[in-house]
N, C-alpha and C. Protein backbone atom coordinates (compact mmCIF):
# COMPACT_ATOMS: atom_id res chain seq x y z
N MET A 1 -23.66 -21.06 0.78
CA MET A 1 -23.17 -21.33 -0.57
C MET A 1 -22.25 -22.55 -0.52
N THR A 2 -22.46 -23.49 -1.41
CA THR A 2 -21.64 -24.70 -1.44
C THR A 2 -20.29 -24.42 -2.08
N GLY A 3 -19.36 -25.38 -1.91
CA GLY A 3 -18.05 -25.25 -2.54
C GLY A 3 -18.16 -25.12 -4.05
N ALA A 4 -19.07 -25.91 -4.65
CA ALA A 4 -19.27 -25.84 -6.10
C ALA A 4 -19.80 -24.47 -6.51
N ASP A 5 -20.71 -23.90 -5.69
CA ASP A 5 -21.23 -22.56 -5.98
C ASP A 5 -20.13 -21.51 -5.89
N ARG A 6 -19.25 -21.67 -4.89
CA ARG A 6 -18.16 -20.71 -4.72
C ARG A 6 -17.20 -20.77 -5.91
N ILE A 7 -16.87 -21.99 -6.33
CA ILE A 7 -15.99 -22.14 -7.49
C ILE A 7 -16.62 -21.49 -8.71
N LYS A 8 -17.92 -21.71 -8.90
CA LYS A 8 -18.62 -21.14 -10.04
C LYS A 8 -18.60 -19.61 -9.97
N GLN A 9 -18.87 -19.05 -8.77
CA GLN A 9 -18.85 -17.60 -8.59
C GLN A 9 -17.46 -17.03 -8.87
N LEU A 10 -16.43 -17.64 -8.29
CA LEU A 10 -15.07 -17.14 -8.48
C LEU A 10 -14.60 -17.33 -9.92
N ALA A 11 -14.96 -18.46 -10.53
CA ALA A 11 -14.60 -18.69 -11.93
C ALA A 11 -15.25 -17.64 -12.82
N GLY A 12 -16.48 -17.25 -12.50
CA GLY A 12 -17.16 -16.20 -13.26
C GLY A 12 -16.44 -14.87 -13.16
N ILE A 13 -15.96 -14.55 -11.96
CA ILE A 13 -15.20 -13.32 -11.77
C ILE A 13 -13.91 -13.39 -12.58
N MET A 14 -13.27 -14.56 -12.60
CA MET A 14 -12.02 -14.71 -13.35
C MET A 14 -12.23 -14.62 -14.86
N GLU A 15 -13.45 -14.78 -15.32
CA GLU A 15 -13.75 -14.69 -16.75
C GLU A 15 -13.97 -13.25 -17.22
N LEU A 16 -14.01 -12.32 -16.27
CA LEU A 16 -14.18 -10.92 -16.66
C LEU A 16 -12.93 -10.45 -17.39
N PRO A 17 -13.08 -9.47 -18.29
CA PRO A 17 -11.91 -8.98 -19.03
C PRO A 17 -10.82 -8.47 -18.08
N GLY A 18 -9.58 -8.71 -18.45
CA GLY A 18 -8.46 -8.24 -17.66
C GLY A 18 -7.35 -9.27 -17.56
N PHE A 19 -6.35 -8.96 -16.75
CA PHE A 19 -5.17 -9.81 -16.64
C PHE A 19 -5.45 -11.23 -16.17
N PRO A 20 -6.28 -11.44 -15.14
CA PRO A 20 -6.51 -12.83 -14.71
C PRO A 20 -6.97 -13.73 -15.86
N LYS A 21 -7.89 -13.25 -16.64
CA LYS A 21 -8.39 -14.05 -17.77
C LYS A 21 -7.33 -14.20 -18.86
N SER A 22 -6.71 -13.09 -19.24
CA SER A 22 -5.75 -13.16 -20.36
C SER A 22 -4.50 -13.97 -20.00
N SER A 23 -4.16 -14.03 -18.71
CA SER A 23 -2.97 -14.79 -18.31
C SER A 23 -3.27 -16.28 -18.19
N GLY A 24 -4.53 -16.64 -18.02
CA GLY A 24 -4.90 -18.04 -17.89
C GLY A 24 -5.08 -18.51 -16.46
N MET A 25 -5.17 -17.60 -15.50
CA MET A 25 -5.40 -18.00 -14.11
C MET A 25 -6.71 -18.78 -14.02
N ARG A 26 -6.72 -19.79 -13.15
CA ARG A 26 -7.95 -20.56 -12.98
C ARG A 26 -8.12 -20.97 -11.52
N VAL A 27 -9.37 -21.08 -11.11
CA VAL A 27 -9.71 -21.53 -9.77
C VAL A 27 -9.68 -23.05 -9.75
N VAL A 28 -8.91 -23.63 -8.83
CA VAL A 28 -8.80 -25.08 -8.68
C VAL A 28 -9.79 -25.57 -7.63
N SER A 29 -9.84 -24.88 -6.49
CA SER A 29 -10.77 -25.26 -5.43
C SER A 29 -11.11 -24.03 -4.59
N ALA A 30 -12.27 -24.10 -3.94
CA ALA A 30 -12.69 -23.00 -3.09
C ALA A 30 -13.64 -23.51 -2.02
N GLU A 31 -13.42 -23.04 -0.83
CA GLU A 31 -14.32 -23.28 0.29
C GLU A 31 -14.18 -22.06 1.19
N PRO A 32 -15.06 -21.89 2.16
CA PRO A 32 -14.94 -20.70 3.01
C PRO A 32 -13.56 -20.60 3.65
N GLY A 33 -12.86 -19.52 3.36
CA GLY A 33 -11.56 -19.27 3.95
C GLY A 33 -10.38 -19.96 3.30
N LYS A 34 -10.61 -20.69 2.19
CA LYS A 34 -9.51 -21.37 1.50
C LYS A 34 -9.78 -21.39 -0.01
N VAL A 35 -8.75 -20.98 -0.77
CA VAL A 35 -8.86 -21.00 -2.23
C VAL A 35 -7.53 -21.44 -2.81
N THR A 36 -7.59 -22.26 -3.84
CA THR A 36 -6.41 -22.64 -4.60
C THR A 36 -6.62 -22.20 -6.04
N MET A 37 -5.60 -21.51 -6.58
CA MET A 37 -5.63 -21.08 -7.97
C MET A 37 -4.34 -21.53 -8.64
N ALA A 38 -4.37 -21.68 -9.96
CA ALA A 38 -3.20 -22.15 -10.69
C ALA A 38 -3.02 -21.36 -11.98
N LEU A 39 -1.79 -21.43 -12.49
CA LEU A 39 -1.44 -20.75 -13.73
C LEU A 39 -0.36 -21.55 -14.45
N ALA A 40 -0.66 -21.94 -15.68
CA ALA A 40 0.30 -22.69 -16.50
C ALA A 40 1.32 -21.74 -17.12
N LYS A 41 2.54 -22.24 -17.30
CA LYS A 41 3.61 -21.43 -17.87
C LYS A 41 3.38 -21.17 -19.35
N ARG A 42 3.65 -19.94 -19.74
CA ARG A 42 3.68 -19.52 -21.14
C ARG A 42 4.86 -18.58 -21.27
N PRO A 43 5.46 -18.48 -22.45
CA PRO A 43 6.63 -17.62 -22.63
C PRO A 43 6.40 -16.16 -22.22
N ASP A 44 5.19 -15.64 -22.42
CA ASP A 44 4.94 -14.24 -22.09
C ASP A 44 4.75 -14.01 -20.58
N LEU A 45 4.81 -15.06 -19.77
CA LEU A 45 4.68 -14.93 -18.32
C LEU A 45 6.02 -15.14 -17.60
N THR A 46 7.09 -15.25 -18.39
CA THR A 46 8.40 -15.56 -17.81
C THR A 46 9.34 -14.36 -17.89
N GLN A 47 10.44 -14.47 -17.12
CA GLN A 47 11.50 -13.47 -17.22
C GLN A 47 12.60 -14.05 -18.10
N PHE A 48 13.72 -13.37 -18.18
CA PHE A 48 14.76 -13.73 -19.15
C PHE A 48 15.40 -15.09 -18.92
N PHE A 49 15.33 -15.67 -17.70
CA PHE A 49 15.87 -17.01 -17.46
C PHE A 49 14.85 -18.10 -17.80
N GLY A 50 13.64 -17.71 -18.14
CA GLY A 50 12.60 -18.68 -18.45
C GLY A 50 11.76 -19.10 -17.25
N HIS A 51 12.00 -18.48 -16.09
CA HIS A 51 11.19 -18.76 -14.90
C HIS A 51 9.99 -17.81 -14.89
N PHE A 52 8.94 -18.18 -14.15
CA PHE A 52 7.81 -17.26 -14.00
C PHE A 52 8.33 -15.92 -13.48
N HIS A 53 7.83 -14.85 -14.04
CA HIS A 53 8.21 -13.50 -13.62
C HIS A 53 7.65 -13.23 -12.22
N GLY A 54 8.40 -12.49 -11.41
CA GLY A 54 7.97 -12.17 -10.06
C GLY A 54 6.64 -11.43 -10.01
N GLY A 55 6.40 -10.58 -10.99
CA GLY A 55 5.12 -9.86 -11.05
C GLY A 55 3.96 -10.80 -11.31
N VAL A 56 4.19 -11.82 -12.09
CA VAL A 56 3.15 -12.82 -12.39
C VAL A 56 2.86 -13.66 -11.14
N ILE A 57 3.93 -14.05 -10.44
CA ILE A 57 3.76 -14.80 -9.19
C ILE A 57 2.96 -13.97 -8.19
N THR A 58 3.31 -12.70 -8.07
CA THR A 58 2.61 -11.80 -7.16
C THR A 58 1.15 -11.64 -7.57
N ALA A 59 0.91 -11.51 -8.86
CA ALA A 59 -0.47 -11.35 -9.34
C ALA A 59 -1.31 -12.58 -9.00
N LEU A 60 -0.75 -13.77 -9.18
CA LEU A 60 -1.50 -14.98 -8.83
C LEU A 60 -1.78 -15.02 -7.32
N ALA A 61 -0.78 -14.70 -6.52
CA ALA A 61 -0.97 -14.66 -5.06
C ALA A 61 -2.03 -13.63 -4.69
N ASP A 62 -2.01 -12.48 -5.34
CA ASP A 62 -2.97 -11.41 -5.07
C ASP A 62 -4.39 -11.85 -5.41
N HIS A 63 -4.57 -12.46 -6.55
CA HIS A 63 -5.91 -12.90 -6.95
C HIS A 63 -6.41 -14.05 -6.09
N ALA A 64 -5.52 -14.93 -5.69
CA ALA A 64 -5.91 -16.02 -4.78
C ALA A 64 -6.32 -15.45 -3.43
N ALA A 65 -5.58 -14.45 -2.94
CA ALA A 65 -5.92 -13.80 -1.67
C ALA A 65 -7.28 -13.12 -1.76
N GLY A 66 -7.52 -12.42 -2.84
CA GLY A 66 -8.81 -11.74 -3.02
C GLY A 66 -9.96 -12.73 -3.10
N ALA A 67 -9.76 -13.80 -3.83
CA ALA A 67 -10.80 -14.82 -3.94
C ALA A 67 -11.05 -15.46 -2.58
N CYS A 68 -9.97 -15.73 -1.85
CA CYS A 68 -10.08 -16.35 -0.54
C CYS A 68 -10.86 -15.45 0.41
N ALA A 69 -10.50 -14.18 0.48
CA ALA A 69 -11.21 -13.25 1.36
C ALA A 69 -12.68 -13.11 0.94
N THR A 70 -12.94 -13.15 -0.36
CA THR A 70 -14.31 -13.04 -0.86
C THR A 70 -15.18 -14.19 -0.38
N THR A 71 -14.60 -15.38 -0.21
CA THR A 71 -15.41 -16.53 0.23
C THR A 71 -15.99 -16.34 1.63
N SER A 72 -15.44 -15.42 2.41
CA SER A 72 -15.93 -15.17 3.76
C SER A 72 -16.90 -13.98 3.82
N LEU A 73 -17.14 -13.37 2.68
CA LEU A 73 -17.99 -12.18 2.64
C LEU A 73 -19.42 -12.53 2.23
N PRO A 74 -20.37 -11.69 2.61
CA PRO A 74 -21.75 -11.92 2.17
C PRO A 74 -21.87 -11.76 0.65
N GLU A 75 -22.90 -12.35 0.10
CA GLU A 75 -23.14 -12.21 -1.34
C GLU A 75 -23.27 -10.73 -1.70
N GLY A 76 -22.73 -10.35 -2.84
CA GLY A 76 -22.76 -8.97 -3.28
C GLY A 76 -21.54 -8.17 -2.87
N LYS A 77 -20.62 -8.82 -2.15
CA LYS A 77 -19.37 -8.17 -1.73
C LYS A 77 -18.21 -8.88 -2.39
N ILE A 78 -17.12 -8.14 -2.59
CA ILE A 78 -15.89 -8.69 -3.15
C ILE A 78 -14.71 -8.06 -2.41
N ALA A 79 -13.64 -8.82 -2.26
CA ALA A 79 -12.45 -8.32 -1.56
C ALA A 79 -11.47 -7.73 -2.56
N VAL A 80 -10.93 -6.57 -2.23
CA VAL A 80 -9.90 -5.93 -3.04
C VAL A 80 -8.67 -5.69 -2.15
N THR A 81 -7.52 -5.58 -2.77
CA THR A 81 -6.26 -5.50 -2.05
C THR A 81 -6.01 -4.11 -1.49
N VAL A 82 -5.68 -4.09 -0.20
CA VAL A 82 -5.21 -2.87 0.46
C VAL A 82 -3.68 -2.89 0.48
N GLU A 83 -3.12 -4.08 0.77
CA GLU A 83 -1.66 -4.23 0.86
C GLU A 83 -1.31 -5.69 0.62
N ILE A 84 -0.19 -5.91 -0.06
CA ILE A 84 0.32 -7.27 -0.24
C ILE A 84 1.84 -7.23 -0.05
N LYS A 85 2.33 -8.25 0.63
CA LYS A 85 3.77 -8.39 0.88
C LYS A 85 4.15 -9.79 0.43
N ILE A 86 5.19 -9.90 -0.37
CA ILE A 86 5.58 -11.20 -0.88
C ILE A 86 7.08 -11.42 -0.69
N ASN A 87 7.43 -12.65 -0.33
CA ASN A 87 8.83 -13.07 -0.26
C ASN A 87 9.03 -14.14 -1.32
N PHE A 88 10.04 -13.96 -2.15
CA PHE A 88 10.39 -14.96 -3.15
C PHE A 88 11.42 -15.89 -2.52
N LEU A 89 11.14 -17.18 -2.52
CA LEU A 89 11.97 -18.15 -1.82
C LEU A 89 12.85 -18.98 -2.74
N SER A 90 12.39 -19.21 -3.97
CA SER A 90 13.16 -19.99 -4.94
C SER A 90 12.61 -19.69 -6.33
N PRO A 91 13.37 -20.00 -7.38
CA PRO A 91 12.87 -19.75 -8.74
C PRO A 91 11.62 -20.57 -9.03
N ALA A 92 10.69 -19.96 -9.71
CA ALA A 92 9.48 -20.65 -10.14
C ALA A 92 9.75 -21.20 -11.54
N ASP A 93 10.45 -22.34 -11.58
CA ASP A 93 10.91 -22.88 -12.85
C ASP A 93 10.07 -24.05 -13.35
N GLY A 94 8.92 -24.26 -12.74
CA GLY A 94 8.06 -25.37 -13.13
C GLY A 94 7.18 -25.07 -14.33
N GLU A 95 6.33 -26.06 -14.64
CA GLU A 95 5.39 -25.91 -15.75
C GLU A 95 4.15 -25.14 -15.33
N GLU A 96 3.94 -25.04 -14.00
CA GLU A 96 2.75 -24.39 -13.47
C GLU A 96 3.07 -23.86 -12.08
N ILE A 97 2.40 -22.78 -11.71
CA ILE A 97 2.47 -22.32 -10.33
C ILE A 97 1.08 -22.43 -9.72
N VAL A 98 1.06 -22.77 -8.44
CA VAL A 98 -0.20 -22.96 -7.72
C VAL A 98 -0.16 -22.11 -6.46
N ALA A 99 -1.19 -21.30 -6.27
CA ALA A 99 -1.30 -20.44 -5.09
C ALA A 99 -2.38 -21.01 -4.18
N ARG A 100 -2.00 -21.26 -2.92
CA ARG A 100 -2.94 -21.77 -1.91
C ARG A 100 -3.12 -20.68 -0.86
N ALA A 101 -4.31 -20.11 -0.83
CA ALA A 101 -4.61 -19.00 0.06
C ALA A 101 -5.50 -19.46 1.20
N GLU A 102 -5.22 -18.91 2.38
CA GLU A 102 -6.02 -19.25 3.56
C GLU A 102 -6.22 -17.98 4.40
N THR A 103 -7.46 -17.78 4.82
CA THR A 103 -7.78 -16.62 5.63
C THR A 103 -7.17 -16.75 7.02
N ILE A 104 -6.48 -15.71 7.45
CA ILE A 104 -5.94 -15.64 8.81
C ILE A 104 -6.95 -14.94 9.71
N GLN A 105 -7.52 -13.83 9.22
CA GLN A 105 -8.50 -13.06 9.98
C GLN A 105 -9.55 -12.53 9.01
N ALA A 106 -10.80 -12.80 9.30
CA ALA A 106 -11.90 -12.30 8.47
C ALA A 106 -12.74 -11.34 9.30
N GLY A 107 -12.92 -10.14 8.78
CA GLY A 107 -13.77 -9.16 9.44
C GLY A 107 -14.83 -8.68 8.46
N SER A 108 -15.71 -7.82 8.91
CA SER A 108 -16.77 -7.35 8.03
C SER A 108 -16.27 -6.37 6.98
N SER A 109 -15.13 -5.71 7.26
CA SER A 109 -14.59 -4.78 6.26
C SER A 109 -13.15 -5.07 5.87
N ILE A 110 -12.34 -5.64 6.78
CA ILE A 110 -10.93 -5.92 6.51
C ILE A 110 -10.63 -7.37 6.86
N GLY A 111 -9.85 -8.02 6.00
CA GLY A 111 -9.41 -9.39 6.26
C GLY A 111 -7.94 -9.54 5.92
N VAL A 112 -7.31 -10.55 6.50
CA VAL A 112 -5.90 -10.83 6.23
C VAL A 112 -5.79 -12.28 5.76
N VAL A 113 -5.02 -12.47 4.69
CA VAL A 113 -4.89 -13.77 4.05
C VAL A 113 -3.41 -14.10 3.88
N LYS A 114 -3.06 -15.39 4.08
CA LYS A 114 -1.70 -15.85 3.77
C LYS A 114 -1.78 -16.71 2.51
N VAL A 115 -0.72 -16.64 1.71
CA VAL A 115 -0.69 -17.38 0.44
C VAL A 115 0.68 -18.02 0.26
N GLU A 116 0.68 -19.33 -0.02
CA GLU A 116 1.89 -20.02 -0.44
C GLU A 116 1.77 -20.28 -1.93
N VAL A 117 2.82 -19.96 -2.67
CA VAL A 117 2.84 -20.22 -4.10
C VAL A 117 3.89 -21.31 -4.34
N ALA A 118 3.46 -22.37 -5.01
CA ALA A 118 4.36 -23.49 -5.30
C ALA A 118 4.59 -23.60 -6.80
N SER A 119 5.81 -23.95 -7.15
CA SER A 119 6.17 -24.23 -8.54
C SER A 119 6.12 -25.75 -8.72
N GLN A 120 5.36 -26.20 -9.71
CA GLN A 120 5.23 -27.64 -9.96
C GLN A 120 5.98 -28.01 -11.23
N LYS A 121 6.82 -29.06 -11.08
CA LYS A 121 7.65 -29.50 -12.21
C LYS A 121 7.83 -31.01 -12.11
N ALA A 122 7.46 -31.71 -13.16
CA ALA A 122 7.64 -33.16 -13.27
C ALA A 122 7.09 -33.90 -12.04
N GLY A 123 5.91 -33.48 -11.60
CA GLY A 123 5.25 -34.14 -10.47
C GLY A 123 5.74 -33.72 -9.10
N ALA A 124 6.80 -32.91 -9.06
CA ALA A 124 7.33 -32.42 -7.78
C ALA A 124 6.88 -30.98 -7.57
N GLU A 125 6.90 -30.57 -6.32
CA GLU A 125 6.45 -29.23 -5.97
C GLU A 125 7.43 -28.58 -5.01
N ARG A 126 7.68 -27.28 -5.22
CA ARG A 126 8.57 -26.53 -4.33
C ARG A 126 7.95 -25.16 -4.09
N ILE A 127 7.91 -24.74 -2.82
CA ILE A 127 7.38 -23.42 -2.50
C ILE A 127 8.35 -22.38 -3.06
N CYS A 128 7.82 -21.48 -3.87
CA CYS A 128 8.66 -20.45 -4.48
C CYS A 128 8.38 -19.06 -3.92
N ALA A 129 7.23 -18.89 -3.24
CA ALA A 129 6.91 -17.58 -2.68
C ALA A 129 5.91 -17.72 -1.55
N PHE A 130 5.95 -16.74 -0.65
CA PHE A 130 5.00 -16.67 0.46
C PHE A 130 4.53 -15.23 0.55
N ALA A 131 3.22 -15.03 0.68
CA ALA A 131 2.67 -13.68 0.72
C ALA A 131 1.66 -13.53 1.84
N THR A 132 1.52 -12.30 2.32
CA THR A 132 0.41 -11.94 3.18
C THR A 132 -0.28 -10.75 2.52
N ALA A 133 -1.59 -10.73 2.61
CA ALA A 133 -2.36 -9.68 1.97
C ALA A 133 -3.46 -9.18 2.90
N THR A 134 -3.63 -7.88 2.92
CA THR A 134 -4.73 -7.26 3.63
C THR A 134 -5.77 -6.89 2.58
N MET A 135 -7.01 -7.34 2.81
CA MET A 135 -8.06 -7.16 1.82
C MET A 135 -9.21 -6.35 2.42
N ARG A 136 -9.87 -5.57 1.59
CA ARG A 136 -11.00 -4.76 2.02
C ARG A 136 -12.26 -5.20 1.29
N ALA A 137 -13.35 -5.31 2.01
CA ALA A 137 -14.64 -5.67 1.42
C ALA A 137 -15.23 -4.46 0.70
N MET A 138 -15.66 -4.69 -0.53
CA MET A 138 -16.29 -3.65 -1.33
C MET A 138 -17.58 -4.21 -1.90
N ASP A 139 -18.53 -3.32 -2.23
CA ASP A 139 -19.74 -3.77 -2.91
C ASP A 139 -19.38 -4.17 -4.33
N LEU A 140 -19.86 -5.32 -4.75
CA LEU A 140 -19.68 -5.76 -6.13
C LEU A 140 -20.56 -4.85 -7.00
N PRO A 141 -20.02 -4.23 -8.03
CA PRO A 141 -20.85 -3.35 -8.87
C PRO A 141 -22.07 -4.10 -9.40
N ALA A 142 -23.17 -3.39 -9.49
CA ALA A 142 -24.46 -3.99 -9.89
C ALA A 142 -24.34 -4.79 -11.19
N GLY A 143 -23.55 -4.30 -12.14
CA GLY A 143 -23.41 -5.00 -13.42
C GLY A 143 -22.72 -6.33 -13.34
N PHE A 144 -22.08 -6.64 -12.20
CA PHE A 144 -21.33 -7.88 -12.03
C PHE A 144 -22.05 -8.88 -11.13
N ARG A 145 -23.19 -8.53 -10.58
CA ARG A 145 -23.92 -9.41 -9.66
C ARG A 145 -24.70 -10.45 -10.40
């Protein structure tokens, strides 16, 4: 599967009903073992100081990790989260957050992914969170293939 095919497949998954679509998450790039996703700031995604909410940052990291692990799986499989651990390093006060996920270990049933989340503001970027996620391969339901 080419990079363009992977982006199309992952973008299709992101279009399914649910939080990723309603929040505005989008796939920026995808290749085997690497995925970048982004999310633009909106008032409903922030906490009381106006920064991205920690749950939103975690959700973007989680979806990037899942997409990343999925790129290493055979067609008809999708990665779901078994465990995610996140460290918040600085406020996500930018106009957009970008999650860059990379596979650390890919197996036939379990994979581990690392994710850096950066806050982008006025052309500058600062890492605001770092996550590790353990993902499990599952069969993609027939209705989604």
